[in-house]
């Protein structure tokens, strides 16, 4: 039984140099693989997957179709100095995004064209004139980044309303330390297990002033077990030590406060970490309670306007406007069909573009032109021209690759495939960035990394 490496992509490999030799930071792992019984290694992979099954680490693809997220147990490693630059860029970006939201709902923003704001399904006019506690709209931010080339990271997307997945990063780290302790022995890795503690502290920090409490009551609101990320919800609630509630557990009382039904009677709720989108559908009157300052929502109602991909091209301008700084992390090159010069470029370069629907998420509403037929590209071009306000376009990047592990009867095979990074930013008394996150690995033959589209997960180590 042997170890085989295949290199099929031209993009920068984080794991191997141009000669196929492991880069220095990965050598301890490959030294271990070279000295261990690879049959035993395959058995550890199998056992790690089995723990996922036994402990219910699941992801709901669609009602009635629950599955275990696929994990590649060879970790991704990011040097601490490199992550320092990522962290500084994300703190800068989160700060500017939050200031923009304050200006937007105060009626003062002039960075994003008003027709894009007005046409966004995530813009909520009832929030105009209201400022949430401590001026924080963006409590949890989950950006997606890729390494465009060595040491150059760019933002692919901003995730604002209900960024998901952090529990998988925490759980997989725990499983990996149990099953692959040899991987860890040669590295000094930043821990990630304190994320739920910091999250709870930040949520308590934004308790409404209208209901001051020595110990604010925080709950996590989920649709229930049929939500795709229900495991994520349940795990975070348990680790934070807060109640996991479904809509029937909450109601708005006659005074406009939110109450939680418990076995010991009703309990007033101060902060709701919402993992639902249509808040009044699930808890009638919740938006009114929020706007009157009697409960706080994390993330704040109205943050989704920055999930709208139509606002994404303007984030660098937000950073310059609100912070008087150049962006430390650039957007992936992004173009608006509403701009005549951009539209000309999009049409002339269409076979090399990625087209994104403004309201798409989770890998849906993305057209990767280099992976499509000419006929399919023509259909997409017609749809874009018919409704240009509904789309943005990005250059199709050959972003960095990592190894995807598979097993044949006699070998362990490491294939080349694309990888991105979702990390998590918390905003409270200060802005904190989780040292790591989840790296999502695309299946062979595509750049789409989303789990709902068949992507895999890797633990992400940040070295101290």
Protein backbone atom coordinates (compact mmCIF):
# COMPACT_ATOMS: atom_id res chain seq x y z
CA UNK A 1 0.00 0.00 0.00
CA UNK A 2 1.46 3.36 -1.04
CA UNK A 3 0.90 7.10 -1.21
CA UNK A 4 0.21 8.59 -4.65
CA UNK A 5 0.00 12.29 -5.52
CA UNK A 6 -1.82 13.64 -8.59
CA UNK A 7 -1.45 17.23 -9.80
CA UNK A 8 -4.04 18.19 -12.41
CA UNK A 9 -4.51 21.93 -11.85
CA UNK A 10 -2.34 24.91 -12.76
CA UNK A 11 -3.29 26.95 -9.69
CA UNK A 12 -0.98 27.54 -6.74
CA UNK A 13 -0.81 24.44 -4.54
CA UNK A 14 -0.63 25.16 -0.84
CA UNK A 15 0.67 21.64 -0.15
CA UNK A 16 3.24 20.91 -2.91
CA UNK A 17 5.85 22.93 -4.76
CA UNK A 18 6.26 22.87 -8.54
CA UNK A 19 8.25 19.63 -8.32
CA UNK A 20 5.55 17.86 -6.32
CA UNK A 21 7.55 18.01 -3.07
CA UNK A 22 5.60 18.88 0.11
CA UNK A 23 6.12 22.46 1.22
CA UNK A 24 8.09 22.83 4.50
CA UNK A 25 5.02 23.47 6.66
CA UNK A 26 3.49 20.14 5.53
CA UNK A 27 6.62 18.00 5.83
CA UNK A 28 5.89 16.70 9.34
CA UNK A 29 2.53 15.38 8.12
CA UNK A 30 4.08 13.69 5.11
CA UNK A 31 6.92 12.31 7.23
CA UNK A 32 4.24 10.75 9.40
CA UNK A 33 2.39 9.36 6.38
CA UNK A 34 5.64 7.93 5.08
CA UNK A 35 6.38 6.13 8.32
CA UNK A 36 2.94 4.90 9.33
CA UNK A 37 1.00 1.85 8.24
CA UNK A 38 -1.25 3.34 5.58
CA UNK A 39 -3.85 0.66 6.19
CA UNK A 40 -4.08 1.91 9.75
CA UNK A 41 -4.38 5.47 8.41
CA UNK A 42 -7.30 4.47 6.19
CA UNK A 43 -8.94 2.81 9.18
CA UNK A 44 -8.58 6.06 11.16
CA UNK A 45 -10.32 7.92 8.34
CA UNK A 46 -13.12 5.39 8.48
CA UNK A 47 -13.38 5.63 12.27
CA UNK A 48 -13.44 9.43 12.21
CA UNK A 49 -16.31 9.33 9.72
CA UNK A 50 -18.08 6.81 11.95
CA UNK A 51 -17.81 9.17 14.93
CA UNK A 52 -19.63 11.77 12.83
CA UNK A 53 -22.42 9.26 12.32
CA UNK A 54 -22.55 8.21 15.98
CA UNK A 55 -22.54 11.77 17.30
CA UNK A 56 -25.02 13.11 14.75
CA UNK A 57 -22.81 15.70 13.07
CA UNK A 58 -25.24 16.13 10.20
CA UNK A 59 -26.30 18.52 7.46
CA UNK A 60 -29.81 18.51 6.00
CA UNK A 61 -29.72 18.65 2.19
CA UNK A 62 -33.51 18.76 1.88
CA UNK A 63 -36.48 17.58 3.98
CA UNK A 64 -36.02 13.90 4.76
CA UNK A 65 -32.51 13.74 3.32
CA UNK A 66 -29.99 14.19 6.09
CA UNK A 67 -26.36 13.29 5.61
CA UNK A 68 -23.02 13.44 7.31
CA UNK A 69 -20.81 16.20 6.01
CA UNK A 70 -17.87 14.74 4.15
CA UNK A 71 -14.58 15.53 5.83
CA UNK A 72 -11.03 15.29 4.55
CA UNK A 73 -8.96 14.66 7.66
CA UNK A 74 -5.64 15.94 6.30
CA UNK A 75 -5.71 19.50 7.68
CA UNK A 76 -5.09 22.80 5.97
CA UNK A 77 -2.29 24.84 7.58
CA UNK A 78 -1.97 28.64 7.55
CA UNK A 79 1.13 30.34 8.88
CA UNK A 80 0.46 32.68 11.81
CA UNK A 81 2.01 35.74 10.12
CA UNK A 82 -0.15 35.15 7.05
CA UNK A 83 -3.27 34.84 9.20
CA UNK A 84 -2.36 38.06 11.01
CA UNK A 85 -2.81 39.86 7.69
CA UNK A 86 -6.11 38.09 7.12
CA UNK A 87 -7.29 39.01 10.63
CA UNK A 88 -6.35 42.67 10.23
CA UNK A 89 -8.15 42.83 6.89
CA UNK A 90 -11.31 41.23 8.29
CA UNK A 91 -11.38 43.53 11.33
CA UNK A 92 -11.09 46.49 8.97
CA UNK A 93 -13.81 45.15 6.68
CA UNK A 94 -16.26 44.26 9.47
CA UNK A 95 -15.82 47.70 11.03
CA UNK A 96 -16.57 49.47 7.74
CA UNK A 97 -19.57 47.23 6.98
CA UNK A 98 -21.06 47.98 10.38
CA UNK A 99 -20.57 51.73 9.91
CA UNK A 100 -22.26 51.50 6.51
CA UNK A 101 -25.29 49.79 8.05
CA UNK A 102 -25.52 52.55 10.66
CA UNK A 103 -25.50 55.17 7.90
CA UNK A 104 -27.91 53.21 5.70
CA UNK A 105 -30.65 52.94 8.32
CA UNK A 106 -30.05 56.53 9.45
CA UNK A 107 -30.82 57.59 5.87
CA UNK A 108 -27.32 58.99 5.29
CA UNK A 109 -25.48 56.46 3.09
CA UNK A 110 -24.36 57.54 -0.37
CA UNK A 111 -21.87 54.78 -1.20
CA UNK A 112 -24.20 52.26 -2.88
CA UNK A 113 -26.56 53.43 -5.65
CA UNK A 114 -30.05 53.84 -4.26
CA UNK A 115 -31.66 51.68 -6.95
CA UNK A 116 -29.56 48.72 -5.77
CA UNK A 117 -30.62 49.31 -2.16
CA UNK A 118 -34.29 49.76 -3.02
CA UNK A 119 -34.38 46.65 -5.21
CA UNK A 120 -32.79 44.42 -2.56
CA UNK A 121 -35.17 41.93 -0.98
CA UNK A 122 -33.02 42.13 2.14
CA UNK A 123 -33.43 45.89 2.69
CA UNK A 124 -36.01 46.54 5.44
CA UNK A 125 -37.48 50.09 5.44
CA UNK A 126 -39.08 49.55 8.90
CA UNK A 127 -35.55 49.68 10.32
CA UNK A 128 -35.03 53.24 9.07
CA UNK A 129 -34.36 55.55 12.00
CA UNK A 130 -33.63 52.76 14.48
CA UNK A 131 -30.13 52.03 15.80
CA UNK A 132 -29.55 48.72 17.61
CA UNK A 133 -27.84 48.57 21.01
CA UNK A 134 -24.28 49.94 20.96
CA UNK A 135 -24.65 50.64 17.25
CA UNK A 136 -23.76 47.04 16.38
CA UNK A 137 -25.62 45.51 13.46
CA UNK A 138 -23.06 42.89 12.53
CA UNK A 139 -22.53 40.62 15.55
CA UNK A 140 -21.39 37.52 13.64
CA UNK A 141 -19.77 37.80 10.21
CA UNK A 142 -18.70 34.80 8.12
CA UNK A 143 -16.73 35.90 5.04
CA UNK A 144 -15.53 33.50 2.35
CA UNK A 145 -11.94 33.99 1.20
CA UNK A 146 -9.63 32.35 -1.31
CA UNK A 147 -5.89 32.55 -1.82
CA UNK A 148 -5.61 33.95 -5.33
CA UNK A 149 -1.86 33.34 -5.37
CA UNK A 150 0.84 32.79 -2.78
CA UNK A 151 0.19 35.09 0.21
CA UNK A 152 -2.56 37.03 -1.60
CA UNK A 153 -6.04 36.49 -0.17
CA UNK A 154 -9.24 37.99 -1.58
CA UNK A 155 -12.86 38.08 -0.45
CA UNK A 156 -15.28 36.05 -2.56
CA UNK A 157 -18.46 36.75 -0.59
CA UNK A 158 -19.72 38.39 2.58
CA UNK A 159 -22.16 36.38 4.75
CA UNK A 160 -24.18 38.58 7.07
CA UNK A 161 -27.63 37.39 8.08
CA UNK A 162 -27.00 33.94 9.52
CA UNK A 163 -23.49 32.71 8.64
CA UNK A 164 -23.34 29.02 9.41
CA UNK A 165 -20.83 26.23 9.88
CA UNK A 166 -18.68 27.23 12.86
CA UNK A 167 -19.80 24.25 14.95
CA UNK A 168 -18.38 21.90 12.33
CA UNK A 169 -15.00 23.59 12.65
CA UNK A 170 -15.11 23.12 16.43
CA UNK A 171 -16.35 19.53 16.31
CA UNK A 172 -13.94 18.37 13.62
CA UNK A 173 -11.00 19.80 15.57
CA UNK A 174 -12.14 17.76 18.56
CA UNK A 175 -12.48 14.54 16.51
CA UNK A 176 -9.19 15.11 14.74
CA UNK A 177 -7.29 15.49 18.00
CA UNK A 178 -8.77 12.18 19.16
CA UNK A 179 -8.09 10.17 16.00
CA UNK A 180 -5.00 11.85 14.53
CA UNK A 181 -2.89 12.98 17.50
CA UNK A 182 0.27 12.31 15.46
CA UNK A 183 -0.69 15.19 13.15
CA UNK A 184 -0.64 17.64 16.06
CA UNK A 185 2.59 16.57 17.73
CA UNK A 186 4.87 18.66 15.47
CA UNK A 187 2.78 21.84 15.44
CA UNK A 188 1.83 24.70 17.77
CA UNK A 189 -1.76 25.48 16.74
CA UNK A 190 -4.08 28.24 17.91
CA UNK A 191 -7.06 26.69 19.75
CA UNK A 192 -10.60 27.43 18.58
CA UNK A 193 -12.67 25.96 21.41
CA UNK A 194 -13.27 29.32 23.13
CA UNK A 195 -15.39 30.65 20.25
CA UNK A 196 -18.76 29.85 21.98
CA UNK A 197 -17.58 31.60 25.15
CA UNK A 198 -16.69 34.78 23.24
CA UNK A 199 -19.91 34.58 21.25
CA UNK A 200 -22.05 34.46 24.38
CA UNK A 201 -20.13 37.34 26.00
CA UNK A 202 -20.65 39.45 22.87
CA UNK A 203 -24.36 38.66 22.77
CA UNK A 204 -24.75 39.62 26.43
CA UNK A 205 -22.87 42.85 25.69
CA UNK A 206 -25.63 43.99 23.27
CA UNK A 207 -28.56 43.47 25.62
CA UNK A 208 -31.16 46.28 25.16
CA UNK A 209 -30.99 49.26 27.48
CA UNK A 210 -34.79 49.11 27.89
CA UNK A 211 -34.45 45.84 29.78
CA UNK A 212 -31.16 45.99 31.71
CA UNK A 213 -30.30 42.70 33.37
CA UNK A 214 -27.41 41.62 35.54
CA UNK A 215 -27.47 38.36 33.60
CA UNK A 216 -29.10 38.99 30.20
CA UNK A 217 -31.17 36.10 28.88
CA UNK A 218 -29.81 34.94 25.54
CA UNK A 219 -31.49 32.30 23.37
CA UNK A 220 -30.73 30.76 20.01
CA UNK A 221 -33.79 30.68 17.74
CA UNK A 222 -33.96 27.86 15.18
CA UNK A 223 -36.69 26.70 12.83
CA UNK A 224 -36.17 23.21 14.20
CA UNK A 225 -34.64 19.90 13.25
CA UNK A 226 -35.63 20.27 9.59
CA UNK A 227 -33.30 23.26 9.12
CA UNK A 228 -30.20 22.38 7.07
CA UNK A 229 -27.85 23.63 9.78
CA UNK A 230 -29.77 22.35 12.81
CA UNK A 231 -26.71 20.56 14.17
CA UNK A 232 -24.87 23.89 14.02
CA UNK A 233 -27.66 25.52 16.03
CA UNK A 234 -27.89 22.78 18.65
CA UNK A 235 -24.14 22.53 19.16
CA UNK A 236 -23.65 26.29 19.60
CA UNK A 237 -26.54 26.59 22.05
CA UNK A 238 -25.14 23.75 24.16
CA UNK A 239 -21.59 25.13 24.10
CA UNK A 240 -22.75 28.66 24.96
CA UNK A 241 -25.00 27.38 27.74
CA UNK A 242 -28.11 29.11 26.36
CA UNK A 243 -31.58 27.82 25.52
CA UNK A 244 -32.21 26.46 22.03
CA UNK A 245 -35.73 27.58 21.15
CA UNK A 246 -38.12 26.96 18.29
CA UNK A 247 -40.75 29.54 17.29
CA UNK A 248 -43.52 28.08 19.47
CA UNK A 249 -41.32 28.66 22.54
CA UNK A 250 -41.43 32.47 22.09
CA UNK A 251 -44.17 35.06 22.03
CA UNK A 252 -44.44 38.85 22.26
CA UNK A 253 -46.43 39.96 25.31
CA UNK A 254 -48.87 42.85 25.60
CA UNK A 255 -46.06 45.24 26.54
CA UNK A 256 -44.00 44.32 23.48
CA UNK A 257 -41.40 42.21 25.29
CA UNK A 258 -40.40 38.76 24.09
CA UNK A 259 -41.20 35.95 26.50
CA UNK A 260 -39.93 32.37 26.49
CA UNK A 261 -42.26 29.62 27.64
CA UNK A 262 -40.59 27.37 30.22
CA UNK A 263 -41.73 24.69 32.68
CA UNK A 264 -41.39 27.29 35.42
CA UNK A 265 -43.43 29.96 33.67
CA UNK A 266 -42.56 32.69 31.22
CA UNK A 267 -39.11 34.28 31.10
CA UNK A 268 -38.29 37.59 29.41
CA UNK A 269 -35.69 37.29 26.66
CA UNK A 270 -33.11 40.03 26.09
CA UNK A 271 -31.13 38.83 23.05
CA UNK A 272 -32.09 36.39 20.31
CA UNK A 273 -29.31 34.84 18.25
CA UNK A 274 -31.56 34.26 15.29
CA UNK A 275 -30.90 31.45 12.86
CA UNK A 276 -34.11 32.19 10.95
CA UNK A 277 -34.73 34.81 8.29
CA UNK A 278 -38.43 35.75 8.27
CA UNK A 279 -38.69 36.71 11.91
CA UNK A 280 -42.37 37.75 11.99
CA UNK A 281 -43.42 34.55 10.23
CA UNK A 282 -41.87 32.52 13.04
CA UNK A 283 -42.61 34.83 15.98
CA UNK A 284 -45.46 37.26 15.21
CA UNK A 285 -44.65 40.79 16.33
CA UNK A 286 -40.92 40.14 16.80
CA UNK A 287 -39.88 42.91 14.42
CA UNK A 288 -41.98 45.41 16.37
CA UNK A 289 -40.41 44.33 19.65
CA UNK A 290 -36.99 44.76 18.07
CA UNK A 291 -37.69 48.20 16.59
CA UNK A 292 -39.07 49.39 19.95
CA UNK A 293 -35.79 48.36 21.60
CA UNK A 294 -37.30 45.67 23.84
CA UNK A 295 -35.28 42.80 22.47
CA UNK A 296 -32.13 42.62 20.38
CA UNK A 297 -31.51 40.39 17.39
CA UNK A 298 -28.16 39.02 16.30
CA UNK A 299 -27.51 39.57 13.55
CA UNK A 300 -29.60 42.72 13.46
CA UNK A 301 -32.69 42.83 11.29
CA UNK A 302 -31.67 44.48 8.01
CA UNK A 303 -28.06 43.28 7.80
CA UNK A 304 -28.99 41.10 4.81
CA UNK A 305 -28.71 44.08 2.49
CA UNK A 306 -24.97 43.32 2.57
CA UNK A 307 -25.65 39.67 1.72
CA UNK A 308 -27.14 41.02 -1.49
CA UNK A 309 -24.35 40.56 -4.01
CA UNK A 310 -25.34 43.82 -5.66
CA UNK A 311 -23.73 45.71 -2.77
CA UNK A 312 -20.53 43.62 -2.77
CA UNK A 313 -18.62 45.67 -5.41
CA UNK A 314 -18.95 48.78 -3.21
CA UNK A 315 -17.31 47.41 -0.05
CA UNK A 316 -13.82 48.78 -0.90
CA UNK A 317 -15.41 52.20 -1.28
CA UNK A 318 -17.03 51.76 2.17
CA UNK A 319 -13.64 51.09 3.71
CA UNK A 320 -12.17 54.22 2.14
CA UNK A 321 -15.19 56.33 3.08
CA UNK A 322 -15.62 55.30 6.70
CA UNK A 323 -12.05 54.47 7.73
CA UNK A 324 -10.01 56.59 5.31
CA UNK A 325 -7.90 53.51 4.58
CA UNK A 326 -7.14 51.35 1.59
CA UNK A 327 -8.57 47.81 1.89
CA UNK A 328 -6.14 45.32 3.39
CA UNK A 329 -8.09 42.51 1.70
CA UNK A 330 -9.33 43.10 -1.82
CA UNK A 331 -12.58 41.88 -3.34
CA UNK A 332 -12.23 39.21 -5.95
CA UNK A 333 -12.45 41.23 -9.23
CA UNK A 334 -16.17 41.99 -9.43
CA UNK A 335 -18.28 43.78 -12.04
CA UNK A 336 -21.78 45.19 -12.17
CA UNK A 337 -23.86 44.76 -15.37
CA UNK A 338 -25.42 48.14 -14.54
CA UNK A 339 -22.11 49.86 -15.30
CA UNK A 340 -21.65 50.24 -19.10
CA UNK A 341 -17.89 49.66 -18.94
CA UNK A 342 -18.33 46.65 -16.68
CA UNK A 343 -21.04 45.21 -18.92
CA UNK A 344 -18.81 45.54 -21.96
CA UNK A 345 -16.06 43.65 -20.15
CA UNK A 346 -18.48 40.94 -18.91
CA UNK A 347 -19.83 40.26 -22.40
CA UNK A 348 -16.39 40.23 -24.04
CA UNK A 349 -15.01 37.89 -21.38
CA UNK A 350 -18.14 35.82 -20.77
CA UNK A 351 -16.54 32.37 -21.25
CA UNK A 352 -14.12 33.21 -18.42
CA UNK A 353 -16.62 34.71 -15.96
CA UNK A 354 -18.56 33.56 -12.91
CA UNK A 355 -22.08 35.05 -12.87
CA UNK A 356 -23.88 35.32 -9.54
CA UNK A 357 -27.53 36.01 -8.86
CA UNK A 358 -27.79 38.80 -6.28
CA UNK A 359 -30.03 36.71 -4.02
CA UNK A 360 -28.22 33.37 -4.41
CA UNK A 361 -26.55 31.57 -1.53
CA UNK A 362 -25.19 28.14 -0.60
CA UNK A 363 -23.78 27.48 -4.06
CA UNK A 364 -27.12 28.20 -5.73
CA UNK A 365 -27.52 30.94 -8.33
CA UNK A 366 -23.89 30.66 -9.48
CA UNK A 367 -22.97 30.15 -13.13
CA UNK A 368 -19.37 29.07 -13.71
CA UNK A 369 -18.91 29.78 -17.40
CA UNK A 370 -15.59 27.90 -17.94
CA UNK A 371 -17.35 24.74 -16.71
CA UNK A 372 -20.36 25.16 -19.04
CA UNK A 373 -21.06 24.47 -22.71
CA UNK A 374 -21.19 27.30 -25.25
CA UNK A 375 -24.97 26.81 -25.58
CA UNK A 376 -25.43 27.10 -21.81
CA UNK A 377 -23.31 30.24 -21.77
CA UNK A 378 -25.53 31.82 -24.43
CA UNK A 379 -28.65 31.09 -22.38
CA UNK A 380 -27.04 32.66 -19.32
CA UNK A 381 -25.97 35.70 -21.34
CA UNK A 382 -29.55 36.26 -22.52
CA UNK A 383 -30.85 36.02 -18.96
CA UNK A 384 -28.27 38.50 -17.70
CA UNK A 385 -29.06 41.01 -20.45
CA UNK A 386 -32.79 40.69 -19.78
CA UNK A 387 -32.36 41.52 -16.06
CA UNK A 388 -28.94 43.10 -15.49
CA UNK A 389 -29.88 44.47 -12.07
CA UNK A 390 -30.27 40.89 -10.79
CA UNK A 391 -26.63 39.86 -11.29
CA UNK A 392 -22.98 40.58 -10.66
CA UNK A 393 -20.00 38.99 -12.38
CA UNK A 394 -16.55 37.97 -11.18
CA UNK A 395 -13.42 36.81 -12.91
CA UNK A 396 -13.17 33.04 -12.62
CA UNK A 397 -10.15 32.67 -10.40
CA UNK A 398 -7.79 29.74 -10.37
CA UNK A 399 -7.52 30.05 -6.62
CA UNK A 400 -5.27 27.88 -4.50
CA UNK A 401 -5.58 24.14 -4.18
CA UNK A 402 -5.21 21.56 -1.46
CA UNK A 403 -5.18 17.78 -1.41
CA UNK A 404 -8.34 15.68 -1.57
CA UNK A 405 -7.84 12.24 -0.04
CA UNK A 406 -9.28 9.08 -1.54
CA UNK A 407 -8.49 5.42 -1.20
CA UNK A 408 -8.03 2.72 -3.83
CA UNK A 409 -7.67 -0.93 -2.96
CA UNK A 410 -3.91 -0.57 -2.54
CA UNK A 411 -3.14 3.14 -2.22
CA UNK A 412 -3.96 6.44 -0.61
CA UNK A 413 -4.33 8.99 -3.40
CA UNK A 414 -4.04 12.75 -2.89
CA UNK A 415 -5.74 14.70 -5.69
CA UNK A 416 -5.42 18.41 -6.44
CA UNK A 417 -8.61 20.41 -5.87
CA UNK A 418 -9.74 23.96 -5.09
CA UNK A 419 -10.19 25.17 -1.52
CA UNK A 420 -11.67 28.26 0.12
CA UNK A 421 -11.84 29.49 3.73
CA UNK A 422 -14.77 30.60 5.83
CA UNK A 423 -13.74 32.13 9.09
CA UNK A 424 -15.82 33.88 11.71
CA UNK A 425 -15.68 37.44 13.02
CA UNK A 426 -17.38 38.53 16.25
CA UNK A 427 -18.20 42.15 17.03
CA UNK A 428 -18.73 43.27 20.62
CA UNK A 429 -16.53 45.44 22.83
CA UNK A 430 -13.88 44.68 20.23
CA UNK A 431 -13.73 42.81 16.94
CA UNK A 432 -12.37 39.25 17.20
CA UNK A 433 -11.48 36.82 14.41
CA UNK A 434 -11.53 33.08 14.97
CA UNK A 435 -8.01 31.71 14.29
CA UNK A 436 -9.07 29.19 11.68
CA UNK A 437 -12.54 28.21 10.56
CA UNK A 438 -13.64 25.74 7.93
CA UNK A 439 -11.84 25.16 4.68
CA UNK A 440 -14.22 23.88 2.04
CA UNK A 441 -12.83 21.60 -0.64
CA UNK A 442 -14.42 21.33 -4.07
CA UNK A 443 -15.19 17.93 -5.58
CA UNK A 444 -12.92 17.03 -8.50
CA UNK A 445 -13.81 18.88 -11.70
CA UNK A 446 -15.40 22.01 -10.26
CA UNK A 447 -14.68 25.15 -8.24
CA UNK A 448 -17.94 24.95 -6.25
CA UNK A 449 -16.97 24.25 -2.66
CA UNK A 450 -20.36 24.43 -0.91
CA UNK A 451 -21.35 21.40 1.14
CA UNK A 452 -24.84 21.44 -0.38
CA UNK A 453 -23.17 20.95 -3.77
CA UNK A 454 -20.96 18.07 -2.68
CA UNK A 455 -17.99 19.92 -1.22
CA UNK A 456 -15.92 18.56 1.66
CA UNK A 457 -14.66 20.15 4.87
CA UNK A 458 -11.11 20.41 6.24
CA UNK A 459 -9.98 21.48 9.66
CA UNK A 460 -7.95 24.69 9.37
CA UNK A 461 -4.90 25.17 11.55
CA UNK A 462 -3.42 28.58 12.24
CA UNK A 463 0.12 28.25 13.58
CA UNK A 464 1.33 30.30 16.53
